[in-house]
């Protein structure tokens, strides 16, 4: 008991030290107002300026109205599923609408406590009074942030067309229309040469991504406002308002990967994913895997939320979470992790964007350096069932059928039934086949793929059966990969019994 208590105290002290809620470069919005998804382009809300008062968000739009929104769920709130909506953190209807034109200059000024900030778009600069009650305030701003006059490369100080500004009592936010980004100072800068700590809307300080939609990009940061925690961004060009939240636990771009090949980037519907981070949980726990019962939506106090929907969990540990994407996964969506600790404290990560693609094949393999040894099985004599593991002591033989285990092969069509695959639920149909054909290659030579689909009782794990040629290449191992819709998997090694000596 004492050993457990000391371990827990050490864990909690570490969490307390590293987990100050901050905004992270390239993070995604956690919610969107005015659109049914993060990639929709409907009529929406063409916001000109924003304000926040007494727990309500007020939005002045281009048609001369002021829209009032009563409640935007905070990041730590356990959200209910919204009936009929694939996104629990999208849309939101105003509680009141009033005809009242508002000046555009409202977006160019912000105050919080004793601090005041203003943007001077024409002069490409931001004026900051850290304390308007100080004796020096009458003489002008104590900090001026302005563009670098030498026209150098874009960095964390560059301002080209600042159009909006916000303060939250601790941080300064500046929206730049030309660079389609928001610079974030996690503490108020003390001088004009202090660079921003994070950037929203772009993947780094030095890049200018062409994408202008999705939860991690915007077309035009027309106006900004903070409620003291969340940052509301009026993305006028996309007729929406994005809600960004700082993370108690940092989650970096690319932290969500395919569980088989460990690759980030676009992921297919139904893919088993691994989320890498720190301090996700106090203990490690795995869900029961009996081929009959669905996976839990909360494990060891951990939840993974995709657009506010809880994802099924395979396992959690302090450093990793394994989950499954839904088969309805589409477009670019927002993922974050919510953790309930045993002392009652709730923490969340910042959100990150995850993009969907029809296929992202990955072959399961043993641990080690790449290319790793594949988790391959000898097929039995009838080639419809799997036998022993392929090893150096029992290598693959010429002309035999191998079973390959993979994930990320996308949607499937049931064979002989109307059953459909559902994330987190063991597949109930007797067999299926992938909707997108799968190819296989051994040392670059094409192999016949006899079957590719979800076998009964599995969750997100696809079975492929490939036929080896009668003549295998020289050596003790060969390299195997699969491909789908032009996307290659990781390469795995296969112990072989070569026919060439």
Protein backbone atom coordinates (compact mmCIF):
# COMPACT_ATOMS: atom_id res chain seq x y z
CA UNK A 1 0.00 0.00 0.00
CA UNK A 2 2.79 2.42 0.94
CA UNK A 3 4.65 1.60 -2.29
CA UNK A 4 1.50 2.34 -4.32
CA UNK A 5 0.91 5.61 -2.46
CA UNK A 6 4.49 6.79 -3.00
CA UNK A 7 4.25 5.89 -6.67
CA UNK A 8 0.99 7.77 -7.03
CA UNK A 9 2.38 10.86 -5.30
CA UNK A 10 5.42 10.84 -7.58
CA UNK A 11 3.15 10.50 -10.61
CA UNK A 12 0.90 13.34 -9.49
CA UNK A 13 3.77 15.69 -8.66
CA UNK A 14 5.18 15.10 -12.15
CA UNK A 15 1.78 15.77 -13.73
CA UNK A 16 1.38 18.98 -11.73
CA UNK A 17 4.80 20.22 -12.81
CA UNK A 18 4.47 19.61 -16.55
CA UNK A 19 0.76 20.15 -17.06
CA UNK A 20 0.21 23.89 -17.28
CA UNK A 21 -2.62 24.50 -19.75
CA UNK A 22 -1.10 26.03 -22.86
CA UNK A 23 -1.91 26.39 -26.54
CA UNK A 24 0.23 24.24 -28.84
CA UNK A 25 1.53 25.07 -32.31
CA UNK A 26 -0.66 23.54 -35.02
CA UNK A 27 -3.37 22.38 -32.62
CA UNK A 28 -6.93 21.92 -33.86
CA UNK A 29 -10.12 23.61 -32.80
CA UNK A 30 -12.16 21.61 -30.31
CA UNK A 31 -15.56 22.89 -31.52
CA UNK A 32 -17.07 24.80 -34.42
CA UNK A 33 -20.05 27.16 -34.37
CA UNK A 34 -22.09 27.76 -37.51
CA UNK A 35 -21.21 24.62 -39.47
CA UNK A 36 -22.30 20.97 -39.03
CA UNK A 37 -18.69 19.76 -39.40
CA UNK A 38 -15.16 21.14 -39.51
CA UNK A 39 -15.06 20.90 -43.32
CA UNK A 40 -18.61 21.99 -44.23
CA UNK A 41 -19.26 25.12 -46.31
CA UNK A 42 -22.87 25.92 -45.56
CA UNK A 43 -24.49 29.31 -44.99
CA UNK A 44 -23.03 29.48 -41.51
CA UNK A 45 -22.11 32.59 -39.53
CA UNK A 46 -20.16 35.35 -41.28
CA UNK A 47 -18.84 36.94 -38.09
CA UNK A 48 -17.41 40.46 -38.12
CA UNK A 49 -16.66 40.84 -34.41
CA UNK A 50 -16.96 38.82 -31.20
CA UNK A 51 -17.46 39.58 -27.52
CA UNK A 52 -17.91 37.48 -24.41
CA UNK A 53 -19.88 38.63 -21.36
CA UNK A 54 -21.45 36.83 -18.40
CA UNK A 55 -20.87 33.40 -19.89
CA UNK A 56 -22.41 34.26 -23.28
CA UNK A 57 -20.79 34.66 -26.68
CA UNK A 58 -22.06 37.59 -28.77
CA UNK A 59 -21.43 37.49 -32.51
CA UNK A 60 -21.93 40.44 -34.86
CA UNK A 61 -22.34 39.08 -38.37
CA UNK A 62 -22.14 40.69 -41.81
CA UNK A 63 -25.92 40.96 -42.19
CA UNK A 64 -26.26 43.42 -39.30
CA UNK A 65 -27.33 40.97 -36.60
CA UNK A 66 -26.02 40.14 -33.17
CA UNK A 67 -26.27 36.42 -32.36
CA UNK A 68 -26.16 35.19 -28.77
CA UNK A 69 -24.82 31.76 -27.86
CA UNK A 70 -25.50 30.62 -24.30
CA UNK A 71 -23.38 27.52 -23.86
CA UNK A 72 -20.40 26.14 -25.70
CA UNK A 73 -19.28 22.99 -23.85
CA UNK A 74 -15.93 23.41 -22.05
CA UNK A 75 -13.17 20.90 -22.87
CA UNK A 76 -13.51 18.93 -19.64
CA UNK A 77 -17.25 18.37 -19.94
CA UNK A 78 -18.45 14.83 -20.58
CA UNK A 79 -20.59 15.44 -23.66
CA UNK A 80 -23.73 13.47 -24.50
CA UNK A 81 -24.08 12.15 -28.01
CA UNK A 82 -26.18 14.53 -30.12
CA UNK A 83 -29.01 12.66 -31.80
CA UNK A 84 -28.85 12.72 -35.58
CA UNK A 85 -25.47 14.48 -35.65
CA UNK A 86 -22.12 12.83 -36.39
CA UNK A 87 -20.45 15.70 -34.51
CA UNK A 88 -21.21 16.54 -30.88
CA UNK A 89 -19.18 19.76 -30.96
CA UNK A 90 -20.40 21.25 -34.26
CA UNK A 91 -23.26 23.54 -35.24
CA UNK A 92 -24.92 25.18 -32.22
CA UNK A 93 -27.95 27.44 -32.69
CA UNK A 94 -28.08 30.96 -31.23
CA UNK A 95 -30.40 31.50 -28.27
CA UNK A 96 -31.23 35.02 -29.46
CA UNK A 97 -30.87 37.15 -32.61
CA UNK A 98 -31.02 40.96 -32.60
CA UNK A 99 -30.78 43.44 -35.48
CA UNK A 100 -27.90 45.67 -34.47
CA UNK A 101 -24.99 46.67 -36.75
CA UNK A 102 -21.61 46.60 -35.01
CA UNK A 103 -18.46 48.46 -36.02
CA UNK A 104 -15.65 46.38 -37.49
CA UNK A 105 -13.16 48.17 -35.22
CA UNK A 106 -14.45 46.07 -32.33
CA UNK A 107 -12.25 43.22 -33.60
CA UNK A 108 -9.16 45.46 -33.46
CA UNK A 109 -9.29 46.19 -29.74
CA UNK A 110 -9.21 44.01 -26.63
CA UNK A 111 -8.93 44.55 -22.88
CA UNK A 112 -8.68 42.18 -19.94
CA UNK A 113 -8.06 43.42 -16.42
CA UNK A 114 -5.50 46.21 -16.64
CA UNK A 115 -4.13 45.18 -20.06
CA UNK A 116 -5.20 46.70 -23.37
CA UNK A 117 -4.15 45.67 -26.89
CA UNK A 118 -4.90 47.25 -30.27
CA UNK A 119 -3.99 46.32 -33.84
CA UNK A 120 -2.76 48.93 -36.28
CA UNK A 121 -3.28 47.10 -39.55
CA UNK A 122 -2.02 49.90 -41.79
CA UNK A 123 1.30 50.04 -39.97
CA UNK A 124 1.54 46.25 -39.57
CA UNK A 125 1.83 46.39 -35.80
CA UNK A 126 0.17 45.69 -32.45
CA UNK A 127 0.14 48.13 -29.52
CA UNK A 128 0.10 46.68 -26.01
CA UNK A 129 -0.43 48.40 -22.68
CA UNK A 130 0.44 45.84 -20.03
CA UNK A 131 -1.10 48.07 -17.32
CA UNK A 132 -3.21 51.08 -18.34
CA UNK A 133 -3.23 52.31 -14.73
CA UNK A 134 0.55 52.69 -14.58
CA UNK A 135 2.12 56.14 -14.60
CA UNK A 136 3.80 55.40 -17.94
CA UNK A 137 0.56 54.41 -19.75
CA UNK A 138 -0.32 57.99 -20.75
CA UNK A 139 2.91 58.21 -22.70
CA UNK A 140 1.90 55.40 -25.05
CA UNK A 141 2.07 51.61 -25.22
CA UNK A 142 4.89 49.91 -23.36
CA UNK A 143 5.19 47.21 -26.03
CA UNK A 144 4.98 47.57 -29.82
CA UNK A 145 5.00 44.40 -31.91
CA UNK A 146 5.63 45.17 -35.56
CA UNK A 147 6.74 43.64 -38.83
CA UNK A 148 10.38 43.04 -39.57
CA UNK A 149 11.32 45.78 -42.03
CA UNK A 150 14.07 43.78 -43.75
CA UNK A 151 11.57 41.39 -45.38
CA UNK A 152 13.19 38.29 -43.93
CA UNK A 153 11.76 34.80 -43.66
CA UNK A 154 8.50 34.22 -41.81
CA UNK A 155 9.06 33.41 -38.14
CA UNK A 156 7.41 33.82 -34.74
CA UNK A 157 7.66 37.61 -34.84
CA UNK A 158 6.34 38.24 -38.37
CA UNK A 159 3.24 40.42 -38.72
CA UNK A 160 2.02 41.27 -42.21
CA UNK A 161 -1.68 42.08 -41.91
CA UNK A 162 -2.76 41.99 -38.25
CA UNK A 163 -6.53 42.39 -38.15
CA UNK A 164 -7.67 41.04 -34.77
CA UNK A 165 -6.47 40.80 -31.20
CA UNK A 166 -7.54 39.22 -27.91
CA UNK A 167 -6.38 39.05 -24.30
CA UNK A 168 -7.35 36.49 -21.67
CA UNK A 169 -5.64 37.86 -18.56
CA UNK A 170 -2.46 35.92 -19.26
CA UNK A 171 -2.03 35.51 -23.01
CA UNK A 172 -1.99 37.72 -26.09
CA UNK A 173 -3.50 36.51 -29.39
CA UNK A 174 -2.97 38.31 -32.73
CA UNK A 175 -4.76 37.29 -35.94
CA UNK A 176 -2.93 37.88 -39.23
CA UNK A 177 -5.15 37.78 -42.34
CA UNK A 178 -2.31 37.63 -44.87
CA UNK A 179 -0.63 34.67 -43.17
CA UNK A 180 -3.92 33.00 -42.18
CA UNK A 181 -2.65 32.43 -38.67
CA UNK A 182 -2.88 33.51 -35.04
CA UNK A 183 0.24 34.15 -33.00
CA UNK A 184 -0.05 33.19 -29.33
CA UNK A 185 2.07 34.63 -26.53
CA UNK A 186 1.42 32.41 -23.50
CA UNK A 187 2.53 35.30 -21.30
CA UNK A 188 2.26 38.97 -22.23
CA UNK A 189 5.44 39.99 -24.09
CA UNK A 190 7.68 42.40 -22.23
CA UNK A 191 9.27 43.81 -25.38
CA UNK A 192 8.73 44.16 -29.11
CA UNK A 193 11.39 41.62 -29.95
CA UNK A 194 9.74 38.79 -28.00
CA UNK A 195 8.49 36.11 -30.37
CA UNK A 196 5.22 34.22 -30.04
CA UNK A 197 5.16 30.89 -28.19
CA UNK A 198 2.70 29.11 -30.50
CA UNK A 199 0.89 29.56 -33.79
CA UNK A 200 -2.66 28.48 -34.69
CA UNK A 201 -3.85 27.97 -38.26
CA UNK A 202 -0.46 26.85 -39.58
CA UNK A 203 1.67 23.80 -38.83
CA UNK A 204 4.71 25.90 -37.85
CA UNK A 205 5.96 29.47 -37.59
CA UNK A 206 7.83 29.21 -40.89
CA UNK A 207 5.22 27.54 -43.11
CA UNK A 208 2.22 28.84 -44.99
CA UNK A 209 -0.04 25.83 -45.57
CA UNK A 210 -2.34 26.02 -48.57
CA UNK A 211 -5.21 24.37 -46.67
CA UNK A 212 -7.77 26.87 -45.36
CA UNK A 213 -10.41 24.50 -43.97
CA UNK A 214 -10.54 21.81 -41.33
CA UNK A 215 -10.23 22.18 -37.57
CA UNK A 216 -6.58 23.31 -37.67
CA UNK A 217 -6.71 25.91 -40.46
CA UNK A 218 -8.80 28.94 -41.27
CA UNK A 219 -9.26 31.37 -44.15
CA UNK A 220 -9.46 34.65 -42.27
CA UNK A 221 -9.11 35.28 -38.49
CA UNK A 222 -11.46 38.26 -38.73
CA UNK A 223 -12.11 38.58 -34.99
CA UNK A 224 -10.94 36.97 -31.74
CA UNK A 225 -12.24 36.82 -28.19
CA UNK A 226 -11.35 34.76 -25.10
CA UNK A 227 -13.55 33.72 -22.19
CA UNK A 228 -10.44 33.42 -20.05
CA UNK A 229 -9.78 29.85 -21.16
CA UNK A 230 -11.06 29.18 -24.70
CA UNK A 231 -10.22 31.24 -27.77
CA UNK A 232 -13.07 31.95 -30.21
CA UNK A 233 -11.95 32.69 -33.78
CA UNK A 234 -14.30 34.26 -36.31
CA UNK A 235 -13.25 32.53 -39.53
CA UNK A 236 -15.24 34.82 -41.81
CA UNK A 237 -14.13 33.19 -45.07
CA UNK A 238 -15.51 29.81 -43.97
CA UNK A 239 -18.61 31.32 -42.31
CA UNK A 240 -17.89 29.77 -38.94
CA UNK A 241 -16.42 30.32 -35.49
CA UNK A 242 -13.71 27.94 -34.30
CA UNK A 243 -13.19 27.24 -30.60
CA UNK A 244 -9.59 26.51 -29.54
CA UNK A 245 -8.77 25.29 -26.04
CA UNK A 246 -5.42 24.98 -24.24
CA UNK A 247 -4.43 21.49 -23.17
CA UNK A 248 -3.60 20.49 -19.62
CA UNK A 249 -1.71 17.63 -21.26
CA UNK A 250 0.14 18.51 -24.48
CA UNK A 251 -0.67 16.53 -27.62
CA UNK A 252 1.60 17.15 -30.59
CA UNK A 253 0.76 17.15 -34.26
CA UNK A 254 1.33 13.63 -35.58
CA UNK A 255 0.68 11.98 -32.22
CA UNK A 256 -2.21 9.91 -33.67
CA UNK A 257 -0.77 7.03 -35.73
CA UNK A 258 -1.77 3.77 -37.37
CA UNK A 259 -1.23 1.06 -34.72
CA UNK A 260 0.41 -1.31 -37.20
CA UNK A 261 2.87 0.88 -39.09
CA UNK A 262 3.13 3.79 -36.61
CA UNK A 263 2.54 6.30 -39.42
CA UNK A 264 0.69 9.55 -38.84
CA UNK A 265 -1.10 11.40 -41.60
CA UNK A 266 -4.38 10.48 -43.30
CA UNK A 267 -6.06 7.41 -41.78
CA UNK A 268 -8.76 5.14 -43.17
CA UNK A 269 -12.15 4.53 -41.55
CA UNK A 270 -12.02 1.70 -39.01
CA UNK A 271 -8.24 1.95 -38.50
CA UNK A 272 -6.80 0.90 -35.16
CA UNK A 273 -4.93 3.95 -33.88
CA UNK A 274 -2.31 4.65 -31.22
CA UNK A 275 -2.13 8.04 -29.51
CA UNK A 276 1.28 8.88 -28.08
CA UNK A 277 1.69 11.35 -25.23
CA UNK A 278 2.40 11.66 -21.52
CA UNK A 279 0.48 11.27 -18.26
CA UNK A 280 -2.62 9.83 -19.94
CA UNK A 281 -3.44 7.64 -16.94
CA UNK A 282 -2.28 6.55 -13.51
CA UNK A 283 -2.35 2.86 -14.44
CA UNK A 284 -2.21 0.65 -17.52
CA UNK A 285 -5.34 -1.25 -18.45
CA UNK A 286 -6.54 -3.29 -21.43
CA UNK A 287 -10.08 -4.01 -22.51
CA UNK A 288 -11.29 -7.63 -22.55
CA UNK A 289 -10.81 -9.22 -25.97
CA UNK A 290 -13.28 -12.09 -26.17
CA UNK A 291 -14.58 -11.61 -29.70
CA UNK A 292 -18.13 -11.10 -28.41
CA UNK A 293 -18.47 -7.94 -26.30
CA UNK A 294 -17.95 -4.37 -27.52
CA UNK A 295 -14.96 -2.33 -26.38
CA UNK A 296 -15.48 0.22 -23.58
CA UNK A 297 -15.74 3.96 -24.23
CA UNK A 298 -13.89 4.73 -20.99
CA UNK A 299 -10.92 2.84 -19.61
CA UNK A 300 -8.89 3.73 -16.49
CA UNK A 301 -10.60 7.11 -16.49
CA UNK A 302 -9.56 7.83 -20.11
CA UNK A 303 -11.79 8.85 -23.01
CA UNK A 304 -10.81 9.66 -26.60
CA UNK A 305 -13.15 12.08 -28.35
CA UNK A 306 -13.44 12.50 -32.12
CA UNK A 307 -15.59 15.56 -32.85
CA UNK A 308 -17.01 15.03 -29.36
CA UNK A 309 -17.92 11.38 -29.96
CA UNK A 310 -16.34 8.80 -27.66
CA UNK A 311 -14.17 6.24 -29.41
CA UNK A 312 -13.86 2.58 -28.32
CA UNK A 313 -10.68 1.81 -26.39
CA UNK A 314 -8.43 -1.25 -26.59
CA UNK A 315 -5.87 -0.19 -23.98
CA UNK A 316 -4.50 2.79 -22.07
CA UNK A 317 -1.22 3.49 -20.31
CA UNK A 318 0.53 6.66 -19.13
CA UNK A 319 2.27 6.99 -22.51
CA UNK A 320 -0.11 5.41 -25.06
CA UNK A 321 -3.76 4.94 -25.87
CA UNK A 322 -5.03 2.42 -28.42
CA UNK A 323 -8.42 3.02 -29.98
CA UNK A 324 -10.39 2.56 -33.21
CA UNK A 325 -11.67 5.13 -35.68
CA UNK A 326 -15.34 4.82 -36.71
CA UNK A 327 -16.22 3.44 -40.12
CA UNK A 328 -18.11 6.69 -40.73
CA UNK A 329 -14.86 8.67 -40.34
CA UNK A 330 -14.78 11.28 -43.09
CA UNK A 331 -13.15 14.59 -43.93
CA UNK A 332 -10.85 16.14 -41.31
CA UNK A 333 -11.93 15.82 -37.70
CA UNK A 334 -10.73 16.90 -34.27
CA UNK A 335 -9.38 14.48 -31.65
CA UNK A 336 -8.56 15.08 -28.00
CA UNK A 337 -8.17 13.01 -24.83
CA UNK A 338 -10.09 13.50 -21.58
CA UNK A 339 -8.75 11.98 -18.35
CA UNK A 340 -10.50 11.60 -14.99
CA UNK A 341 -7.87 11.03 -12.30
CA UNK A 342 -8.63 9.15 -9.09
CA UNK A 343 -8.56 12.34 -7.00
CA UNK A 344 -11.44 13.77 -9.06
CA UNK A 345 -9.35 16.11 -11.20
CA UNK A 346 -10.30 16.16 -14.90
CA UNK A 347 -7.66 17.05 -17.48
CA UNK A 348 -7.77 17.25 -21.26
CA UNK A 349 -5.24 17.41 -24.04
CA UNK A 350 -5.37 20.04 -26.71
CA UNK A 351 -7.11 18.84 -29.87
CA UNK A 352 -5.27 17.68 -32.99
CA UNK A 353 -6.58 17.27 -36.51
CA UNK A 354 -6.92 13.82 -38.09
CA UNK A 355 -7.62 13.53 -41.81
CA UNK A 356 -9.57 10.69 -43.39
CA UNK A 357 -8.50 8.76 -46.47
CA UNK A 358 -10.06 5.66 -48.09
CA UNK A 359 -7.03 3.45 -47.32
CA UNK A 360 -4.01 3.59 -45.01
CA UNK A 361 -2.72 -0.01 -44.92
CA UNK A 362 -0.40 -1.15 -42.16
CA UNK A 363 0.94 -4.67 -41.48
CA UNK A 364 1.26 -5.79 -37.87
CA UNK A 365 4.81 -6.74 -36.98
CA UNK A 366 7.03 -7.68 -34.05
CA UNK A 367 8.89 -5.04 -32.06
CA UNK A 368 12.32 -3.86 -33.15
CA UNK A 369 13.85 -1.58 -35.74
CA UNK A 370 12.39 -1.20 -39.22
CA UNK A 371 11.82 -3.24 -41.23
CA UNK A 372 10.35 -5.38 -38.45
CA UNK A 373 9.52 -9.07 -38.66
CA UNK A 374 5.91 -9.49 -39.76
CA UNK A 375 3.23 -11.24 -37.67
CA UNK A 376 2.59 -13.82 -40.39
CA UNK A 377 1.03 -17.25 -40.13
CA UNK A 378 1.23 -20.39 -42.22
CA UNK A 379 -2.17 -21.15 -43.72
CA UNK A 380 -3.50 -24.63 -43.13
CA UNK A 381 -3.90 -27.11 -45.95
CA UNK A 382 -7.27 -25.81 -47.12
CA UNK A 383 -5.79 -22.25 -47.11
CA UNK A 384 -8.89 -20.88 -45.37
CA UNK A 385 -7.57 -21.04 -41.80
CA UNK A 386 -4.33 -20.03 -40.14
CA UNK A 387 -1.73 -22.20 -38.50
CA UNK A 388 1.63 -21.60 -36.83
CA UNK A 389 3.63 -18.40 -36.76
CA UNK A 390 6.19 -17.94 -39.53
CA UNK A 391 9.63 -17.91 -37.88
CA UNK A 392 13.25 -18.50 -38.82
CA UNK A 393 12.84 -22.05 -37.45
CA UNK A 394 9.62 -22.53 -39.43
CA UNK A 395 10.04 -20.28 -42.48
CA UNK A 396 7.64 -19.60 -45.31
CA UNK A 397 7.91 -22.17 -48.06
CA UNK A 398 7.61 -21.88 -51.84
CA UNK A 399 4.05 -22.02 -53.14
CA UNK A 400 2.35 -21.84 -49.75
CA UNK A 401 -0.34 -19.45 -48.53
CA UNK A 402 0.46 -16.97 -45.77
CA UNK A 403 -1.93 -15.12 -43.51
CA UNK A 404 -1.12 -11.43 -43.06
CA UNK A 405 -2.69 -9.31 -40.30
CA UNK A 406 -3.26 -5.64 -41.04
CA UNK A 407 -5.31 -2.57 -40.21
CA UNK A 408 -6.28 0.56 -42.11
CA UNK A 409 -7.88 -1.23 -45.09
CA UNK A 410 -11.09 0.82 -44.87
CA UNK A 411 -14.68 -0.20 -45.44
CA UNK A 412 -15.69 -3.79 -46.11
CA UNK A 413 -18.59 -5.53 -47.83
CA UNK A 414 -20.08 -8.50 -45.94
CA UNK A 415 -20.20 -11.81 -47.76
CA UNK A 416 -23.57 -13.54 -47.60
CA UNK A 417 -25.19 -11.23 -45.04
CA UNK A 418 -26.39 -7.68 -44.40
CA UNK A 419 -24.12 -7.10 -41.40
CA UNK A 420 -22.00 -3.95 -41.36
CA UNK A 421 -18.80 -3.25 -39.46
CA UNK A 422 -19.13 -1.06 -36.36
CA UNK A 423 -16.15 0.40 -34.54
CA UNK A 424 -15.44 -1.23 -31.21
CA UNK A 425 -17.72 -4.20 -31.90
CA UNK A 426 -16.39 -7.64 -32.88
CA UNK A 427 -17.31 -8.22 -36.52
CA UNK A 428 -20.37 -10.42 -36.54
CA UNK A 429 -20.63 -11.53 -40.18
CA UNK A 430 -18.95 -14.79 -41.10
CA UNK A 431 -16.68 -13.08 -43.61
CA UNK A 432 -16.21 -9.93 -45.69
CA UNK A 433 -14.01 -8.40 -48.32
CA UNK A 434 -12.44 -4.97 -48.54
CA UNK A 435 -14.22 -2.55 -50.82
CA UNK A 436 -10.87 -1.35 -52.17
CA UNK A 437 -8.72 -4.17 -53.65
CA UNK A 438 -5.44 -4.98 -51.90
CA UNK A 439 -2.17 -5.80 -53.67
CA UNK A 440 0.84 -7.60 -52.16
CA UNK A 441 4.52 -7.63 -53.12
CA UNK A 442 7.45 -9.82 -52.06
CA UNK A 443 10.79 -8.19 -52.88
CA UNK A 444 8.89 -6.15 -55.45
CA UNK A 445 7.26 -9.20 -57.10
CA UNK A 446 3.47 -9.10 -57.20
CA UNK A 447 1.72 -11.84 -55.21
CA UNK A 448 -1.82 -13.13 -55.70
CA UNK A 449 -4.08 -11.90 -52.88
CA UNK A 450 -6.57 -14.72 -52.37
CA UNK A 451 -8.65 -12.83 -49.82
CA UNK A 452 -8.70 -9.57 -47.84
CA UNK A 453 -11.39 -8.75 -45.30
CA UNK A 454 -12.50 -8.64 -41.67
CA UNK A 455 -12.79 -12.12 -40.16
CA UNK A 456 -15.58 -12.86 -37.73
CA UNK A 457 -14.97 -11.76 -34.13
CA UNK A 458 -12.21 -9.25 -34.84
CA UNK A 459 -12.14 -5.51 -34.11
CA UNK A 460 -10.32 -3.50 -36.76
CA UNK A 461 -7.89 -6.31 -37.64
CA UNK A 462 -8.03 -7.44 -41.29
CA UNK A 463 -6.93 -10.83 -42.57
CA UNK A 464 -5.17 -11.24 -45.90
CA UNK A 465 -4.18 -14.51 -47.53
CA UNK A 466 -1.37 -14.24 -50.06
CA UNK A 467 0.09 -16.98 -52.28
CA UNK A 468 3.87 -17.25 -52.43
CA UNK A 469 5.55 -18.07 -55.75
CA UNK A 470 7.05 -21.50 -56.40
CA UNK A 471 10.47 -19.89 -56.60
CA UNK A 472 11.50 -17.72 -53.66
CA UNK A 473 14.39 -15.23 -53.82
CA UNK A 474 17.81 -16.07 -52.38
CA UNK A 475 18.55 -15.43 -48.75
CA UNK A 476 16.90 -16.23 -45.46
CA UNK A 477 14.41 -13.36 -45.47
CA UNK A 478 12.37 -11.40 -47.98
CA UNK A 479 10.52 -8.10 -47.76
CA UNK A 480 6.73 -8.00 -47.90
CA UNK A 481 4.41 -5.02 -48.28
CA UNK A 482 0.81 -4.47 -49.26
CA UNK A 483 -0.72 -1.61 -51.21
CA UNK A 484 -4.21 -0.21 -51.53
CA UNK A 485 -5.41 2.65 -53.74
CA UNK A 486 -1.78 3.50 -54.44
CA UNK A 487 -0.87 3.75 -50.73
CA UNK A 488 1.88 1.41 -49.53
CA UNK A 489 2.04 -0.17 -46.10
CA UNK A 490 5.13 -0.55 -43.99
CA UNK A 491 7.59 -3.19 -45.16
CA UNK A 492 7.97 -6.31 -43.01
CA UNK A 493 10.50 -9.10 -43.23
CA UNK A 494 9.49 -12.72 -43.88
CA UNK A 495 11.72 -15.69 -42.97
CA UNK A 496 11.79 -17.86 -46.12
CA UNK A 497 13.01 -21.22 -47.29
CA UNK A 498 14.69 -20.12 -50.48
CA UNK A 499 14.68 -22.26 -53.60
CA UNK A 500 17.78 -20.43 -54.90
CA UNK A 501 21.14 -21.16 -53.26
